[in-house]
């Protein structure tokens, strides 16, 4: 838990495929070239499907979270 910086929700609207959300965790690393690494925890259908889950996990862990801007799948 000490390495976790916070949580991020990547929110994608449909361009070619369906809307999707990805819950990601940002972690500190021991590599100066990449001090923070983002890892995907889970994915769900719908751009806003993981907003509430991210908020609950952040509150339970005392870590920050952010909802990413809406983007489009490619």
PDB file of N, CA and C in Angstrom:
ATOM      1  N   UNK A   1       0.809  -1.194   0.000  1.00  0.00           N
ATOM      2  CA  UNK A   1       0.000   0.000   0.000  1.00  0.00           C
ATOM      3  C   UNK A   1       0.854   1.260   0.000  1.00  0.00           C
ATOM      4  N   UNK A   2       2.041   1.182   0.556  1.00  0.00           N
ATOM      5  CA  UNK A   2       2.893   2.365   0.624  1.00  0.00           C
ATOM      6  C   UNK A   2       3.307   2.842  -0.764  1.00  0.00           C
ATOM      7  N   UNK A   3       3.384   1.953  -1.723  1.00  0.00           N
ATOM      8  CA  UNK A   3       3.796   2.327  -3.076  1.00  0.00           C
ATOM      9  C   UNK A   3       2.657   2.936  -3.902  1.00  0.00           C
ATOM     10  N   UNK A   4       1.422   2.780  -3.447  1.00  0.00           N
ATOM     11  CA  UNK A   4       0.277   3.295  -4.211  1.00  0.00           C
ATOM     12  C   UNK A   4       0.172   4.802  -4.052  1.00  0.00           C
ATOM     13  N   UNK A   5       0.157   5.483  -5.199  1.00  0.00           N
ATOM     14  CA  UNK A   5      -0.005   6.935  -5.228  1.00  0.00           C
ATOM     15  C   UNK A   5      -1.487   7.290  -5.252  1.00  0.00           C
ATOM     16  N   UNK A   6      -2.254   6.591  -6.060  1.00  0.00           N
ATOM     17  CA  UNK A   6      -3.681   6.867  -6.190  1.00  0.00           C
ATOM     18  C   UNK A   6      -4.304   6.023  -7.280  1.00  0.00           C
ATOM     19  N   UNK A   7      -5.548   6.358  -7.596  1.00  0.00           N
ATOM     20  CA  UNK A   7      -6.328   5.596  -8.557  1.00  0.00           C
ATOM     21  C   UNK A   7      -6.811   6.520  -9.674  1.00  0.00           C
ATOM     22  N   UNK A   8      -7.006   5.955 -10.843  1.00  0.00           N
ATOM     23  CA  UNK A   8      -7.398   6.727 -12.029  1.00  0.00           C
ATOM     24  C   UNK A   8      -8.432   5.923 -12.807  1.00  0.00           C
ATOM     25  N   UNK A   9      -9.472   6.612 -13.285  1.00  0.00           N
ATOM     26  CA  UNK A   9     -10.443   5.954 -14.161  1.00  0.00           C
ATOM     27  C   UNK A   9     -10.275   6.516 -15.566  1.00  0.00           C
ATOM     28  N   UNK A  10      -9.887   5.651 -16.485  1.00  0.00           N
ATOM     29  CA  UNK A  10      -9.798   6.007 -17.899  1.00  0.00           C
ATOM     30  C   UNK A  10     -11.187   5.793 -18.486  1.00  0.00           C
ATOM     31  N   UNK A  11     -11.745   6.831 -19.111  1.00  0.00           N
ATOM     32  CA  UNK A  11     -13.119   6.768 -19.606  1.00  0.00           C
ATOM     33  C   UNK A  11     -13.128   6.992 -21.121  1.00  0.00           C
ATOM     34  N   UNK A  12     -13.548   5.958 -21.836  1.00  0.00           N
ATOM     35  CA  UNK A  12     -13.544   6.001 -23.303  1.00  0.00           C
ATOM     36  C   UNK A  12     -14.959   5.923 -23.849  1.00  0.00           C
ATOM     37  N   UNK A  13     -15.280   6.858 -24.734  1.00  0.00           N
ATOM     38  CA  UNK A  13     -16.563   6.875 -25.421  1.00  0.00           C
ATOM     39  C   UNK A  13     -16.427   6.111 -26.729  1.00  0.00           C
ATOM     40  N   UNK A  14     -17.533   5.642 -27.279  1.00  0.00           N
ATOM     41  CA  UNK A  14     -17.435   4.846 -28.494  1.00  0.00           C
ATOM     42  C   UNK A  14     -17.087   5.674 -29.726  1.00  0.00           C
ATOM     43  N   UNK A  15     -16.125   5.224 -30.467  1.00  0.00           N
ATOM     44  CA  UNK A  15     -15.823   5.750 -31.796  1.00  0.00           C
ATOM     45  C   UNK A  15     -16.047   4.583 -32.763  1.00  0.00           C
ATOM     46  N   UNK A  16     -15.344   3.484 -32.517  1.00  0.00           N
ATOM     47  CA  UNK A  16     -15.537   2.269 -33.314  1.00  0.00           C
ATOM     48  C   UNK A  16     -16.182   1.163 -32.487  1.00  0.00           C
ATOM     49  N   UNK A  17     -15.844   1.121 -31.207  1.00  0.00           N
ATOM     50  CA  UNK A  17     -16.295   0.035 -30.340  1.00  0.00           C
ATOM     51  C   UNK A  17     -17.234   0.579 -29.270  1.00  0.00           C
ATOM     52  N   UNK A  18     -17.524  -0.175 -28.248  1.00  0.00           N
ATOM     53  CA  UNK A  18     -18.394   0.249 -27.155  1.00  0.00           C
ATOM     54  C   UNK A  18     -17.649   1.146 -26.182  1.00  0.00           C
ATOM     55  N   UNK A  19     -18.416   1.938 -25.424  1.00  0.00           N
ATOM     56  CA  UNK A  19     -17.825   2.742 -24.359  1.00  0.00           C
ATOM     57  C   UNK A  19     -17.253   1.801 -23.303  1.00  0.00           C
ATOM     58  N   UNK A  20     -16.149   2.221 -22.690  1.00  0.00           N
ATOM     59  CA  UNK A  20     -15.481   1.372 -21.709  1.00  0.00           C
ATOM     60  C   UNK A  20     -14.824   2.240 -20.639  1.00  0.00           C
ATOM     61  N   UNK A  21     -14.702   1.684 -19.457  1.00  0.00           N
ATOM     62  CA  UNK A  21     -13.974   2.337 -18.364  1.00  0.00           C
ATOM     63  C   UNK A  21     -12.912   1.373 -17.873  1.00  0.00           C
ATOM     64  N   UNK A  22     -11.763   1.935 -17.490  1.00  0.00           N
ATOM     65  CA  UNK A  22     -10.675   1.129 -16.917  1.00  0.00           C
ATOM     66  C   UNK A  22     -10.273   1.747 -15.592  1.00  0.00           C
ATOM     67  N   UNK A  23     -10.287   0.938 -14.543  1.00  0.00           N
ATOM     68  CA  UNK A  23      -9.818   1.383 -13.233  1.00  0.00           C
ATOM     69  C   UNK A  23      -8.336   1.044 -13.148  1.00  0.00           C
ATOM     70  N   UNK A  24      -7.531   2.066 -12.879  1.00  0.00           N
ATOM     71  CA  UNK A  24      -6.083   1.896 -12.856  1.00  0.00           C
ATOM     72  C   UNK A  24      -5.522   2.373 -11.523  1.00  0.00           C
ATOM     73  N   UNK A  25      -4.403   1.796 -11.143  1.00  0.00           N
ATOM     74  CA  UNK A  25      -3.710   2.210  -9.922  1.00  0.00           C
ATOM     75  C   UNK A  25      -2.342   2.764 -10.329  1.00  0.00           C
ATOM     76  N   UNK A  26      -1.986   3.889  -9.730  1.00  0.00           N
ATOM     77  CA  UNK A  26      -0.674   4.498  -9.955  1.00  0.00           C
ATOM     78  C   UNK A  26       0.224   4.119  -8.789  1.00  0.00           C
ATOM     79  N   UNK A  27       1.386   3.542  -9.098  1.00  0.00           N
ATOM     80  CA  UNK A  27       2.321   3.066  -8.070  1.00  0.00           C
ATOM     81  C   UNK A  27       3.701   3.673  -8.273  1.00  0.00           C
ATOM     82  N   UNK A  28       4.357   4.002  -7.186  1.00  0.00           N
ATOM     83  CA  UNK A  28       5.753   4.425  -7.246  1.00  0.00           C
ATOM     84  C   UNK A  28       6.607   3.223  -7.619  1.00  0.00           C
ATOM     85  N   UNK A  29       7.696   3.488  -8.354  1.00  0.00           N
ATOM     86  CA  UNK A  29       8.632   2.425  -8.710  1.00  0.00           C
ATOM     87  C   UNK A  29      10.016   2.779  -8.170  1.00  0.00           C
ATOM     88  N   UNK A  30      10.948   1.899  -8.353  1.00  0.00           N
ATOM     89  CA  UNK A  30      12.341   2.143  -7.979  1.00  0.00           C
ATOM     90  C   UNK A  30      13.179   2.550  -9.190  1.00  0.00           C
ATOM     91  N   UNK A  31      12.514   2.910 -10.294  1.00  0.00           N
ATOM     92  CA  UNK A  31      13.215   3.226 -11.529  1.00  0.00           C
ATOM     93  C   UNK A  31      13.153   4.726 -11.803  1.00  0.00           C
ATOM     94  N   UNK A  32      14.287   5.422 -11.787  1.00  0.00           N
ATOM     95  CA  UNK A  32      14.286   6.865 -12.048  1.00  0.00           C
ATOM     96  C   UNK A  32      13.688   7.230 -13.412  1.00  0.00           C
ATOM     97  N   UNK A  33      13.838   6.353 -14.395  1.00  0.00           N
ATOM     98  CA  UNK A  33      13.314   6.623 -15.728  1.00  0.00           C
ATOM     99  C   UNK A  33      11.784   6.597 -15.758  1.00  0.00           C
ATOM    100  N   UNK A  34      11.173   5.878 -14.828  1.00  0.00           N
ATOM    101  CA  UNK A  34       9.714   5.784 -14.738  1.00  0.00           C
ATOM    102  C   UNK A  34       9.327   5.765 -13.261  1.00  0.00           C
ATOM    103  N   UNK A  35       9.270   6.932 -12.621  1.00  0.00           N
ATOM    104  CA  UNK A  35       9.019   6.970 -11.187  1.00  0.00           C
ATOM    105  C   UNK A  35       7.628   6.486 -10.770  1.00  0.00           C
ATOM    106  N   UNK A  36       6.641   6.600 -11.688  1.00  0.00           N
ATOM    107  CA  UNK A  36       5.282   6.130 -11.396  1.00  0.00           C
ATOM    108  C   UNK A  36       4.823   5.240 -12.542  1.00  0.00           C
ATOM    109  N   UNK A  37       4.223   4.112 -12.174  1.00  0.00           N
ATOM    110  CA  UNK A  37       3.719   3.154 -13.161  1.00  0.00           C
ATOM    111  C   UNK A  37       2.213   3.028 -12.983  1.00  0.00           C
ATOM    112  N   UNK A  38       1.468   2.987 -14.086  1.00  0.00           N
ATOM    113  CA  UNK A  38       0.011   2.853 -14.047  1.00  0.00           C
ATOM    114  C   UNK A  38      -0.361   1.444 -14.485  1.00  0.00           C
ATOM    115  N   UNK A  39      -1.102   0.745 -13.635  1.00  0.00           N
ATOM    116  CA  UNK A  39      -1.524  -0.629 -13.905  1.00  0.00           C
ATOM    117  C   UNK A  39      -3.046  -0.707 -13.934  1.00  0.00           C
ATOM    118  N   UNK A  40      -3.600  -1.419 -14.898  1.00  0.00           N
ATOM    119  CA  UNK A  40      -5.045  -1.592 -14.977  1.00  0.00           C
ATOM    120  C   UNK A  40      -5.486  -2.687 -14.021  1.00  0.00           C
ATOM    121  N   UNK A  41      -6.471  -2.365 -13.192  1.00  0.00           N
ATOM    122  CA  UNK A  41      -7.020  -3.321 -12.227  1.00  0.00           C
ATOM    123  C   UNK A  41      -8.199  -4.070 -12.838  1.00  0.00           C
ATOM    124  N   UNK A  42      -9.115  -3.314 -13.455  1.00  0.00           N
ATOM    125  CA  UNK A  42     -10.282  -3.943 -14.061  1.00  0.00           C
ATOM    126  C   UNK A  42     -10.853  -3.041 -15.148  1.00  0.00           C
ATOM    127  N   UNK A  43     -11.772  -3.593 -15.916  1.00  0.00           N
ATOM    128  CA  UNK A  43     -12.400  -2.899 -17.038  1.00  0.00           C
ATOM    129  C   UNK A  43     -13.885  -3.217 -17.010  1.00  0.00           C
ATOM    130  N   UNK A  44     -14.714  -2.249 -17.431  1.00  0.00           N
ATOM    131  CA  UNK A  44     -16.159  -2.474 -17.458  1.00  0.00           C
ATOM    132  C   UNK A  44     -16.775  -1.740 -18.644  1.00  0.00           C
ATOM    133  N   UNK A  45     -17.917  -2.233 -19.106  1.00  0.00           N
ATOM    134  CA  UNK A  45     -18.650  -1.575 -20.187  1.00  0.00           C
ATOM    135  C   UNK A  45     -19.277  -0.292 -19.664  1.00  0.00           C
ATOM    136  N   UNK A  46     -19.173   0.777 -20.452  1.00  0.00           N
ATOM    137  CA  UNK A  46     -19.741   2.070 -20.074  1.00  0.00           C
ATOM    138  C   UNK A  46     -18.660   2.992 -19.550  1.00  0.00           C
ATOM    139  N   UNK A  47     -18.588   4.198 -20.088  1.00  0.00           N
ATOM    140  CA  UNK A  47     -17.516   5.134 -19.736  1.00  0.00           C
ATOM    141  C   UNK A  47     -17.514   5.519 -18.264  1.00  0.00           C
ATOM    142  N   UNK A  48     -18.679   5.503 -17.616  1.00  0.00           N
ATOM    143  CA  UNK A  48     -18.769   5.893 -16.204  1.00  0.00           C
ATOM    144  C   UNK A  48     -19.011   4.721 -15.264  1.00  0.00           C
ATOM    145  N   UNK A  49     -18.826   3.512 -15.757  1.00  0.00           N
ATOM    146  CA  UNK A  49     -19.163   2.309 -14.992  1.00  0.00           C
ATOM    147  C   UNK A  49     -18.328   2.121 -13.733  1.00  0.00           C
ATOM    148  N   UNK A  50     -17.119   2.689 -13.684  1.00  0.00           N
ATOM    149  CA  UNK A  50     -16.239   2.439 -12.532  1.00  0.00           C
ATOM    150  C   UNK A  50     -16.006   3.678 -11.661  1.00  0.00           C
ATOM    151  N   UNK A  51     -16.737   4.754 -11.918  1.00  0.00           N
ATOM    152  CA  UNK A  51     -16.546   5.983 -11.142  1.00  0.00           C
ATOM    153  C   UNK A  51     -16.783   5.765  -9.651  1.00  0.00           C
ATOM    154  N   UNK A  52     -17.892   5.156  -9.310  1.00  0.00           N
ATOM    155  CA  UNK A  52     -18.243   4.945  -7.899  1.00  0.00           C
ATOM    156  C   UNK A  52     -17.287   3.960  -7.232  1.00  0.00           C
ATOM    157  N   UNK A  53     -16.909   2.906  -7.923  1.00  0.00           N
ATOM    158  CA  UNK A  53     -15.962   1.944  -7.364  1.00  0.00           C
ATOM    159  C   UNK A  53     -14.630   2.613  -7.055  1.00  0.00           C
ATOM    160  N   UNK A  54     -14.153   3.447  -7.959  1.00  0.00           N
ATOM    161  CA  UNK A  54     -12.895   4.166  -7.733  1.00  0.00           C
ATOM    162  C   UNK A  54     -12.996   5.053  -6.500  1.00  0.00           C
ATOM    163  N   UNK A  55     -14.105   5.740  -6.354  1.00  0.00           N
ATOM    164  CA  UNK A  55     -14.302   6.607  -5.185  1.00  0.00           C
ATOM    165  C   UNK A  55     -14.319   5.794  -3.896  1.00  0.00           C
ATOM    166  N   UNK A  56     -14.964   4.644  -3.911  1.00  0.00           N
ATOM    167  CA  UNK A  56     -15.037   3.803  -2.710  1.00  0.00           C
ATOM    168  C   UNK A  56     -13.672   3.224  -2.341  1.00  0.00           C
ATOM    169  N   UNK A  57     -12.918   2.760  -3.341  1.00  0.00           N
ATOM    170  CA  UNK A  57     -11.587   2.210  -3.067  1.00  0.00           C
ATOM    171  C   UNK A  57     -10.659   3.303  -2.547  1.00  0.00           C
ATOM    172  N   UNK A  58     -10.724   4.479  -3.163  1.00  0.00           N
ATOM    173  CA  UNK A  58      -9.887   5.597  -2.709  1.00  0.00           C
ATOM    174  C   UNK A  58     -10.222   5.978  -1.273  1.00  0.00           C
ATOM    175  N   UNK A  59     -11.493   6.040  -0.946  1.00  0.00           N
ATOM    176  CA  UNK A  59     -11.898   6.385   0.422  1.00  0.00           C
ATOM    177  C   UNK A  59     -11.438   5.319   1.421  1.00  0.00           C
ATOM    178  N   UNK A  60     -11.566   4.057   1.037  1.00  0.00           N
ATOM    179  CA  UNK A  60     -11.181   2.965   1.942  1.00  0.00           C
ATOM    180  C   UNK A  60      -9.681   2.907   2.176  1.00  0.00           C
ATOM    181  N   UNK A  61      -8.904   3.322   1.188  1.00  0.00           N
ATOM    182  CA  UNK A  61      -7.441   3.248   1.307  1.00  0.00           C
ATOM    183  C   UNK A  61      -6.803   4.575   1.706  1.00  0.00           C
ATOM    184  N   UNK A  62      -7.589   5.661   1.679  1.00  0.00           N
ATOM    185  CA  UNK A  62      -7.039   6.972   1.999  1.00  0.00           C
ATOM    186  C   UNK A  62      -6.165   7.535   0.886  1.00  0.00           C
ATOM    187  N   UNK A  63      -6.346   7.029  -0.314  1.00  0.00           N
ATOM    188  CA  UNK A  63      -5.570   7.489  -1.472  1.00  0.00           C
ATOM    189  C   UNK A  63      -6.448   8.365  -2.361  1.00  0.00           C
ATOM    190  N   UNK A  64      -5.809   9.184  -3.174  1.00  0.00           N
ATOM    191  CA  UNK A  64      -6.532  10.054  -4.100  1.00  0.00           C
ATOM    192  C   UNK A  64      -7.032   9.261  -5.300  1.00  0.00           C
ATOM    193  N   UNK A  65      -8.019   9.833  -5.999  1.00  0.00           N
ATOM    194  CA  UNK A  65      -8.438   9.255  -7.265  1.00  0.00           C
ATOM    195  C   UNK A  65      -8.832  10.383  -8.205  1.00  0.00           C
ATOM    196  N   UNK A  66      -8.769  10.076  -9.493  1.00  0.00           N
ATOM    197  CA  UNK A  66      -9.197  11.055 -10.478  1.00  0.00           C
ATOM    198  C   UNK A  66      -9.988  10.371 -11.574  1.00  0.00           C
ATOM    199  N   UNK A  67     -10.977  11.093 -12.075  1.00  0.00           N
ATOM    200  CA  UNK A  67     -11.722  10.620 -13.229  1.00  0.00           C
ATOM    201  C   UNK A  67     -11.095  11.276 -14.443  1.00  0.00           C
ATOM    202  N   UNK A  68     -10.587  10.465 -15.339  1.00  0.00           N
ATOM    203  CA  UNK A  68      -9.956  11.004 -16.542  1.00  0.00           C
ATOM    204  C   UNK A  68     -10.968  11.692 -17.437  1.00  0.00           C
ATOM    205  N   UNK A  69     -10.502  12.590 -18.277  1.00  0.00           N
ATOM    206  CA  UNK A  69     -11.353  13.209 -19.270  1.00  0.00           C
ATOM    207  C   UNK A  69     -11.875  12.132 -20.205  1.00  0.00           C
ATOM    208  N   UNK A  70     -13.024  12.398 -20.795  1.00  0.00           N
ATOM    209  CA  UNK A  70     -13.563  11.442 -21.765  1.00  0.00           C
ATOM    210  C   UNK A  70     -12.692  11.460 -23.020  1.00  0.00           C
ATOM    211  N   UNK A  71     -12.376  10.283 -23.478  1.00  0.00           N
ATOM    212  CA  UNK A  71     -11.617  10.120 -24.710  1.00  0.00           C
ATOM    213  C   UNK A  71     -12.403   9.210 -25.623  1.00  0.00           C
ATOM    214  N   UNK A  72     -11.856   8.912 -26.774  1.00  0.00           N
ATOM    215  CA  UNK A  72     -12.513   8.029 -27.743  1.00  0.00           C
ATOM    216  C   UNK A  72     -11.621   6.843 -28.030  1.00  0.00           C
ATOM    217  N   UNK A  73     -12.252   5.649 -28.149  1.00  0.00           N
ATOM    218  CA  UNK A  73     -11.467   4.479 -28.514  1.00  0.00           C
ATOM    219  C   UNK A  73     -10.972   4.645 -29.938  1.00  0.00           C
ATOM    220  N   UNK A  74      -9.921   3.950 -30.254  1.00  0.00           N
ATOM    221  CA  UNK A  74      -9.381   4.122 -31.605  1.00  0.00           C
ATOM    222  C   UNK A  74      -9.524   2.897 -32.461  1.00  0.00           C
TER     223      UNK A  74
END
